[in-house]
Amino acid sequence: MADAVSGTEAIRTWDDHRIGPDELAKRFKTSKENGLTEANAKLAIAEWGENALSKKVAVPWYCLFL
């Protein structure tokens, strides 16, 4: 439960949609013209993980039926 509360609080503090593109690029250590350097990209992946959706395990229809 504490994780959910701290996650909700973190979401409330997001302001990425309110700041300008220059400040956003500075915050994420990137360049609007050139993007991330390879070194910064590796650091971002190490810190935040891959930019991918998590896979949902599907239950086969016959298991639901039984």
PDB file of N, CA and C in Angstrom:
ATOM      1  N   MET A   1       0.823  -1.187   0.000  1.00  0.00           N
ATOM      2  CA  MET A   1       0.000   0.000   0.000  1.00  0.00           C
ATOM      3  C   MET A   1       0.870   1.254   0.000  1.00  0.00           C
ATOM      4  N   ALA A   2       1.970   1.200   0.731  1.00  0.00           N
ATOM      5  CA  ALA A   2       2.860   2.360   0.801  1.00  0.00           C
ATOM      6  C   ALA A   2       3.457   2.670  -0.575  1.00  0.00           C
ATOM      7  N   ASP A   3       3.738   1.613  -1.358  1.00  0.00           N
ATOM      8  CA  ASP A   3       4.271   1.830  -2.705  1.00  0.00           C
ATOM      9  C   ASP A   3       3.265   2.559  -3.576  1.00  0.00           C
ATOM     10  N   ALA A   4       2.006   2.193  -3.459  1.00  0.00           N
ATOM     11  CA  ALA A   4       0.963   2.849  -4.259  1.00  0.00           C
ATOM     12  C   ALA A   4       0.830   4.308  -3.870  1.00  0.00           C
ATOM     13  N   VAL A   5       0.894   4.610  -2.595  1.00  0.00           N
ATOM     14  CA  VAL A   5       0.776   5.990  -2.133  1.00  0.00           C
ATOM     15  C   VAL A   5       1.971   6.811  -2.598  1.00  0.00           C
ATOM     16  N   SER A   6       3.171   6.268  -2.469  1.00  0.00           N
ATOM     17  CA  SER A   6       4.350   7.016  -2.903  1.00  0.00           C
ATOM     18  C   SER A   6       4.349   7.194  -4.422  1.00  0.00           C
ATOM     19  N   GLY A   7       3.849   6.195  -5.163  1.00  0.00           N
ATOM     20  CA  GLY A   7       3.743   6.324  -6.615  1.00  0.00           C
ATOM     21  C   GLY A   7       2.755   7.400  -7.007  1.00  0.00           C
ATOM     22  N   THR A   8       1.636   7.481  -6.295  1.00  0.00           N
ATOM     23  CA  THR A   8       0.636   8.504  -6.566  1.00  0.00           C
ATOM     24  C   THR A   8       1.199   9.887  -6.281  1.00  0.00           C
ATOM     25  N   GLU A   9       1.922  10.020  -5.195  1.00  0.00           N
ATOM     26  CA  GLU A   9       2.532  11.313  -4.858  1.00  0.00           C
ATOM     27  C   GLU A   9       3.552  11.725  -5.915  1.00  0.00           C
ATOM     28  N   ALA A  10       4.300  10.752  -6.426  1.00  0.00           N
ATOM     29  CA  ALA A  10       5.284  11.059  -7.463  1.00  0.00           C
ATOM     30  C   ALA A  10       4.591  11.561  -8.725  1.00  0.00           C
ATOM     31  N   ILE A  11       3.472  10.968  -9.072  1.00  0.00           N
ATOM     32  CA  ILE A  11       2.734  11.393 -10.258  1.00  0.00           C
ATOM     33  C   ILE A  11       2.212  12.811 -10.080  1.00  0.00           C
ATOM     34  N   ARG A  12       1.788  13.154  -8.899  1.00  0.00           N
ATOM     35  CA  ARG A  12       1.262  14.508  -8.646  1.00  0.00           C
ATOM     36  C   ARG A  12       2.321  15.585  -8.830  1.00  0.00           C
ATOM     37  N   THR A  13       3.575  15.229  -8.705  1.00  0.00           N
ATOM     38  CA  THR A  13       4.637  16.236  -8.822  1.00  0.00           C
ATOM     39  C   THR A  13       5.169  16.362 -10.250  1.00  0.00           C
ATOM     40  N   TRP A  14       4.699  15.534 -11.184  1.00  0.00           N
ATOM     41  CA  TRP A  14       5.155  15.637 -12.570  1.00  0.00           C
ATOM     42  C   TRP A  14       4.729  16.979 -13.146  1.00  0.00           C
ATOM     43  N   ASP A  15       5.663  17.652 -13.767  1.00  0.00           N
ATOM     44  CA  ASP A  15       5.327  18.914 -14.427  1.00  0.00           C
ATOM     45  C   ASP A  15       5.949  18.987 -15.822  1.00  0.00           C
ATOM     46  N   ASP A  16       6.305  17.844 -16.377  1.00  0.00           N
ATOM     47  CA  ASP A  16       6.955  17.802 -17.685  1.00  0.00           C
ATOM     48  C   ASP A  16       6.092  18.432 -18.772  1.00  0.00           C
ATOM     49  N   HIS A  17       4.790  18.350 -18.640  1.00  0.00           N
ATOM     50  CA  HIS A  17       3.878  18.900 -19.640  1.00  0.00           C
ATOM     51  C   HIS A  17       3.707  20.415 -19.516  1.00  0.00           C
ATOM     52  N   ARG A  18       4.216  21.005 -18.449  1.00  0.00           N
ATOM     53  CA  ARG A  18       4.043  22.433 -18.218  1.00  0.00           C
ATOM     54  C   ARG A  18       5.274  23.264 -18.554  1.00  0.00           C
ATOM     55  N   ILE A  19       6.416  22.621 -18.668  1.00  0.00           N
ATOM     56  CA  ILE A  19       7.640  23.384 -18.910  1.00  0.00           C
ATOM     57  C   ILE A  19       7.929  23.427 -20.408  1.00  0.00           C
ATOM     58  N   GLY A  20       8.758  24.369 -20.802  1.00  0.00           N
ATOM     59  CA  GLY A  20       9.079  24.523 -22.213  1.00  0.00           C
ATOM     60  C   GLY A  20      10.044  23.451 -22.712  1.00  0.00           C
ATOM     61  N   PRO A  21      10.197  23.356 -24.034  1.00  0.00           N
ATOM     62  CA  PRO A  21      11.058  22.317 -24.602  1.00  0.00           C
ATOM     63  C   PRO A  21      12.532  22.474 -24.224  1.00  0.00           C
ATOM     64  N   ASP A  22      12.999  23.694 -24.063  1.00  0.00           N
ATOM     65  CA  ASP A  22      14.405  23.887 -23.683  1.00  0.00           C
ATOM     66  C   ASP A  22      14.667  23.380 -22.268  1.00  0.00           C
ATOM     67  N   GLU A  23      13.768  23.702 -21.338  1.00  0.00           N
ATOM     68  CA  GLU A  23      13.915  23.234 -19.960  1.00  0.00           C
ATOM     69  C   GLU A  23      13.756  21.716 -19.893  1.00  0.00           C
ATOM     70  N   LEU A  24      12.862  21.171 -20.688  1.00  0.00           N
ATOM     71  CA  LEU A  24      12.650  19.727 -20.724  1.00  0.00           C
ATOM     72  C   LEU A  24      13.904  19.006 -21.229  1.00  0.00           C
ATOM     73  N   ALA A  25      14.517  19.534 -22.276  1.00  0.00           N
ATOM     74  CA  ALA A  25      15.746  18.941 -22.804  1.00  0.00           C
ATOM     75  C   ALA A  25      16.866  19.005 -21.766  1.00  0.00           C
ATOM     76  N   LYS A  26      16.943  20.107 -21.061  1.00  0.00           N
ATOM     77  CA  LYS A  26      17.971  20.247 -20.019  1.00  0.00           C
ATOM     78  C   LYS A  26      17.726  19.248 -18.893  1.00  0.00           C
ATOM     79  N   ARG A  27      16.473  19.088 -18.499  1.00  0.00           N
ATOM     80  CA  ARG A  27      16.121  18.179 -17.407  1.00  0.00           C
ATOM     81  C   ARG A  27      16.485  16.736 -17.745  1.00  0.00           C
ATOM     82  N   PHE A  28      16.278  16.340 -18.998  1.00  0.00           N
ATOM     83  CA  PHE A  28      16.557  14.975 -19.399  1.00  0.00           C
ATOM     84  C   PHE A  28      17.924  14.802 -20.047  1.00  0.00           C
ATOM     85  N   LYS A  29      18.757  15.828 -19.919  1.00  0.00           N
ATOM     86  CA  LYS A  29      20.153  15.787 -20.385  1.00  0.00           C
ATOM     87  C   LYS A  29      20.238  15.347 -21.850  1.00  0.00           C
ATOM     88  N   THR A  30      19.489  16.048 -22.689  1.00  0.00           N
ATOM     89  CA  THR A  30      19.461  15.737 -24.104  1.00  0.00           C
ATOM     90  C   THR A  30      19.554  17.024 -24.922  1.00  0.00           C
ATOM     91  N   SER A  31      19.549  16.882 -26.208  1.00  0.00           N
ATOM     92  CA  SER A  31      19.586  18.010 -27.127  1.00  0.00           C
ATOM     93  C   SER A  31      18.390  17.900 -28.058  1.00  0.00           C
ATOM     94  N   LYS A  32      17.707  19.020 -28.288  1.00  0.00           N
ATOM     95  CA  LYS A  32      16.558  18.984 -29.206  1.00  0.00           C
ATOM     96  C   LYS A  32      16.994  18.669 -30.628  1.00  0.00           C
ATOM     97  N   GLU A  33      18.194  19.071 -30.975  1.00  0.00           N
ATOM     98  CA  GLU A  33      18.683  18.864 -32.335  1.00  0.00           C
ATOM     99  C   GLU A  33      19.279  17.470 -32.541  1.00  0.00           C
ATOM    100  N   ASN A  34      20.022  16.968 -31.539  1.00  0.00           N
ATOM    101  CA  ASN A  34      20.785  15.729 -31.719  1.00  0.00           C
ATOM    102  C   ASN A  34      20.287  14.547 -30.898  1.00  0.00           C
ATOM    103  N   GLY A  35      19.386  14.765 -29.969  1.00  0.00           N
ATOM    104  CA  GLY A  35      18.908  13.676 -29.114  1.00  0.00           C
ATOM    105  C   GLY A  35      19.918  13.313 -28.034  1.00  0.00           C
ATOM    106  N   LEU A  36      19.783  12.137 -27.493  1.00  0.00           N
ATOM    107  CA  LEU A  36      20.688  11.665 -26.446  1.00  0.00           C
ATOM    108  C   LEU A  36      22.010  11.190 -27.045  1.00  0.00           C
ATOM    109  N   THR A  37      23.069  11.385 -26.292  1.00  0.00           N
ATOM    110  CA  THR A  37      24.327  10.747 -26.680  1.00  0.00           C
ATOM    111  C   THR A  37      24.210   9.272 -26.300  1.00  0.00           C
ATOM    112  N   GLU A  38      25.053   8.467 -26.856  1.00  0.00           N
ATOM    113  CA  GLU A  38      25.010   7.034 -26.541  1.00  0.00           C
ATOM    114  C   GLU A  38      25.271   6.793 -25.061  1.00  0.00           C
ATOM    115  N   ALA A  39      26.203   7.563 -24.493  1.00  0.00           N
ATOM    116  CA  ALA A  39      26.525   7.402 -23.067  1.00  0.00           C
ATOM    117  C   ALA A  39      25.325   7.780 -22.201  1.00  0.00           C
ATOM    118  N   ASN A  40      24.643   8.888 -22.525  1.00  0.00           N
ATOM    119  CA  ASN A  40      23.471   9.297 -21.751  1.00  0.00           C
ATOM    120  C   ASN A  40      22.322   8.308 -21.922  1.00  0.00           C
ATOM    121  N   ALA A  41      22.186   7.731 -23.102  1.00  0.00           N
ATOM    122  CA  ALA A  41      21.149   6.725 -23.336  1.00  0.00           C
ATOM    123  C   ALA A  41      21.394   5.498 -22.465  1.00  0.00           C
ATOM    124  N   LYS A  42      22.630   5.056 -22.374  1.00  0.00           N
ATOM    125  CA  LYS A  42      22.952   3.899 -21.527  1.00  0.00           C
ATOM    126  C   LYS A  42      22.687   4.195 -20.061  1.00  0.00           C
ATOM    127  N   LEU A  43      23.020   5.419 -19.625  1.00  0.00           N
ATOM    128  CA  LEU A  43      22.744   5.806 -18.239  1.00  0.00           C
ATOM    129  C   LEU A  43      21.240   5.833 -17.969  1.00  0.00           C
ATOM    130  N   ALA A  44      20.459   6.337 -18.927  1.00  0.00           N
ATOM    131  CA  ALA A  44      19.010   6.400 -18.766  1.00  0.00           C
ATOM    132  C   ALA A  44      18.410   5.001 -18.693  1.00  0.00           C
ATOM    133  N   ILE A  45      18.894   4.088 -19.533  1.00  0.00           N
ATOM    134  CA  ILE A  45      18.401   2.707 -19.502  1.00  0.00           C
ATOM    135  C   ILE A  45      18.757   2.050 -18.172  1.00  0.00           C
ATOM    136  N   ALA A  46      19.964   2.314 -17.678  1.00  0.00           N
ATOM    137  CA  ALA A  46      20.369   1.736 -16.395  1.00  0.00           C
ATOM    138  C   ALA A  46      19.507   2.278 -15.252  1.00  0.00           C
ATOM    139  N   GLU A  47      19.145   3.563 -15.327  1.00  0.00           N
ATOM    140  CA  GLU A  47      18.369   4.186 -14.257  1.00  0.00           C
ATOM    141  C   GLU A  47      16.877   3.860 -14.356  1.00  0.00           C
ATOM    142  N   TRP A  48      16.311   3.940 -15.552  1.00  0.00           N
ATOM    143  CA  TRP A  48      14.867   3.839 -15.724  1.00  0.00           C
ATOM    144  C   TRP A  48      14.402   2.533 -16.349  1.00  0.00           C
ATOM    145  N   GLY A  49      15.311   1.776 -16.965  1.00  0.00           N
ATOM    146  CA  GLY A  49      14.926   0.539 -17.633  1.00  0.00           C
ATOM    147  C   GLY A  49      14.581   0.783 -19.092  1.00  0.00           C
ATOM    148  N   GLU A  50      14.278  -0.303 -19.784  1.00  0.00           N
ATOM    149  CA  GLU A  50      13.925  -0.229 -21.199  1.00  0.00           C
ATOM    150  C   GLU A  50      12.616   0.539 -21.386  1.00  0.00           C
ATOM    151  N   ASN A  51      12.501   1.213 -22.509  1.00  0.00           N
ATOM    152  CA  ASN A  51      11.280   1.935 -22.845  1.00  0.00           C
ATOM    153  C   ASN A  51      10.336   0.958 -23.553  1.00  0.00           C
ATOM    154  N   ALA A  52       9.706   0.095 -22.751  1.00  0.00           N
ATOM    155  CA  ALA A  52       8.837  -0.934 -23.313  1.00  0.00           C
ATOM    156  C   ALA A  52       7.711  -1.226 -22.326  1.00  0.00           C
ATOM    157  N   LEU A  53       6.590  -1.641 -22.861  1.00  0.00           N
ATOM    158  CA  LEU A  53       5.480  -2.044 -22.019  1.00  0.00           C
ATOM    159  C   LEU A  53       5.768  -3.405 -21.412  1.00  0.00           C
ATOM    160  N   SER A  54       5.281  -3.631 -20.205  1.00  0.00           N
ATOM    161  CA  SER A  54       5.448  -4.944 -19.597  1.00  0.00           C
ATOM    162  C   SER A  54       4.474  -5.912 -20.260  1.00  0.00           C
ATOM    163  N   LYS A  55       4.880  -7.150 -20.327  1.00  0.00           N
ATOM    164  CA  LYS A  55       4.050  -8.169 -20.968  1.00  0.00           C
ATOM    165  C   LYS A  55       3.046  -8.714 -19.963  1.00  0.00           C
ATOM    166  N   LYS A  56       1.819  -8.804 -20.399  1.00  0.00           N
ATOM    167  CA  LYS A  56       0.767  -9.353 -19.552  1.00  0.00           C
ATOM    168  C   LYS A  56       0.623 -10.833 -19.887  1.00  0.00           C
ATOM    169  N   VAL A  57       0.623 -11.664 -18.855  1.00  0.00           N
ATOM    170  CA  VAL A  57       0.482 -13.108 -19.053  1.00  0.00           C
ATOM    171  C   VAL A  57      -0.994 -13.403 -19.269  1.00  0.00           C
ATOM    172  N   ALA A  58      -1.298 -13.983 -20.408  1.00  0.00           N
ATOM    173  CA  ALA A  58      -2.680 -14.314 -20.731  1.00  0.00           C
ATOM    174  C   ALA A  58      -3.033 -15.702 -20.216  1.00  0.00           C
ATOM    175  N   VAL A  59      -4.223 -15.830 -19.681  1.00  0.00           N
ATOM    176  CA  VAL A  59      -4.720 -17.127 -19.230  1.00  0.00           C
ATOM    177  C   VAL A  59      -5.460 -17.750 -20.414  1.00  0.00           C
ATOM    178  N   PRO A  60      -5.108 -18.959 -20.792  1.00  0.00           N
ATOM    179  CA  PRO A  60      -5.802 -19.602 -21.916  1.00  0.00           C
ATOM    180  C   PRO A  60      -7.302 -19.713 -21.661  1.00  0.00           C
ATOM    181  N   TRP A  61      -8.096 -19.642 -22.724  1.00  0.00           N
ATOM    182  CA  TRP A  61      -9.549 -19.658 -22.603  1.00  0.00           C
ATOM    183  C   TRP A  61     -10.050 -20.932 -21.940  1.00  0.00           C
ATOM    184  N   TYR A  62      -9.366 -22.056 -22.203  1.00  0.00           N
ATOM    185  CA  TYR A  62      -9.840 -23.318 -21.636  1.00  0.00           C
ATOM    186  C   TYR A  62      -9.618 -23.376 -20.132  1.00  0.00           C
ATOM    187  N   CYS A  63      -8.635 -22.662 -19.617  1.00  0.00           N
ATOM    188  CA  CYS A  63      -8.442 -22.611 -18.160  1.00  0.00           C
ATOM    189  C   CYS A  63      -9.574 -21.806 -17.517  1.00  0.00           C
ATOM    190  N   LEU A  64      -9.977 -20.737 -18.173  1.00  0.00           N
ATOM    191  CA  LEU A  64     -11.097 -19.951 -17.667  1.00  0.00           C
ATOM    192  C   LEU A  64     -12.383 -20.767 -17.726  1.00  0.00           C
ATOM    193  N   PHE A  65     -12.529 -21.541 -18.766  1.00  0.00           N
ATOM    194  CA  PHE A  65     -13.734 -22.350 -18.944  1.00  0.00           C
ATOM    195  C   PHE A  65     -13.846 -23.424 -17.866  1.00  0.00           C
ATOM    196  N   LEU A  66     -12.704 -24.046 -17.546  1.00  0.00           N
ATOM    197  CA  LEU A  66     -12.706 -25.108 -16.535  1.00  0.00           C
ATOM    198  C   LEU A  66     -12.882 -24.519 -15.176  1.00  0.00           C
TER     199      LEU A  66
END
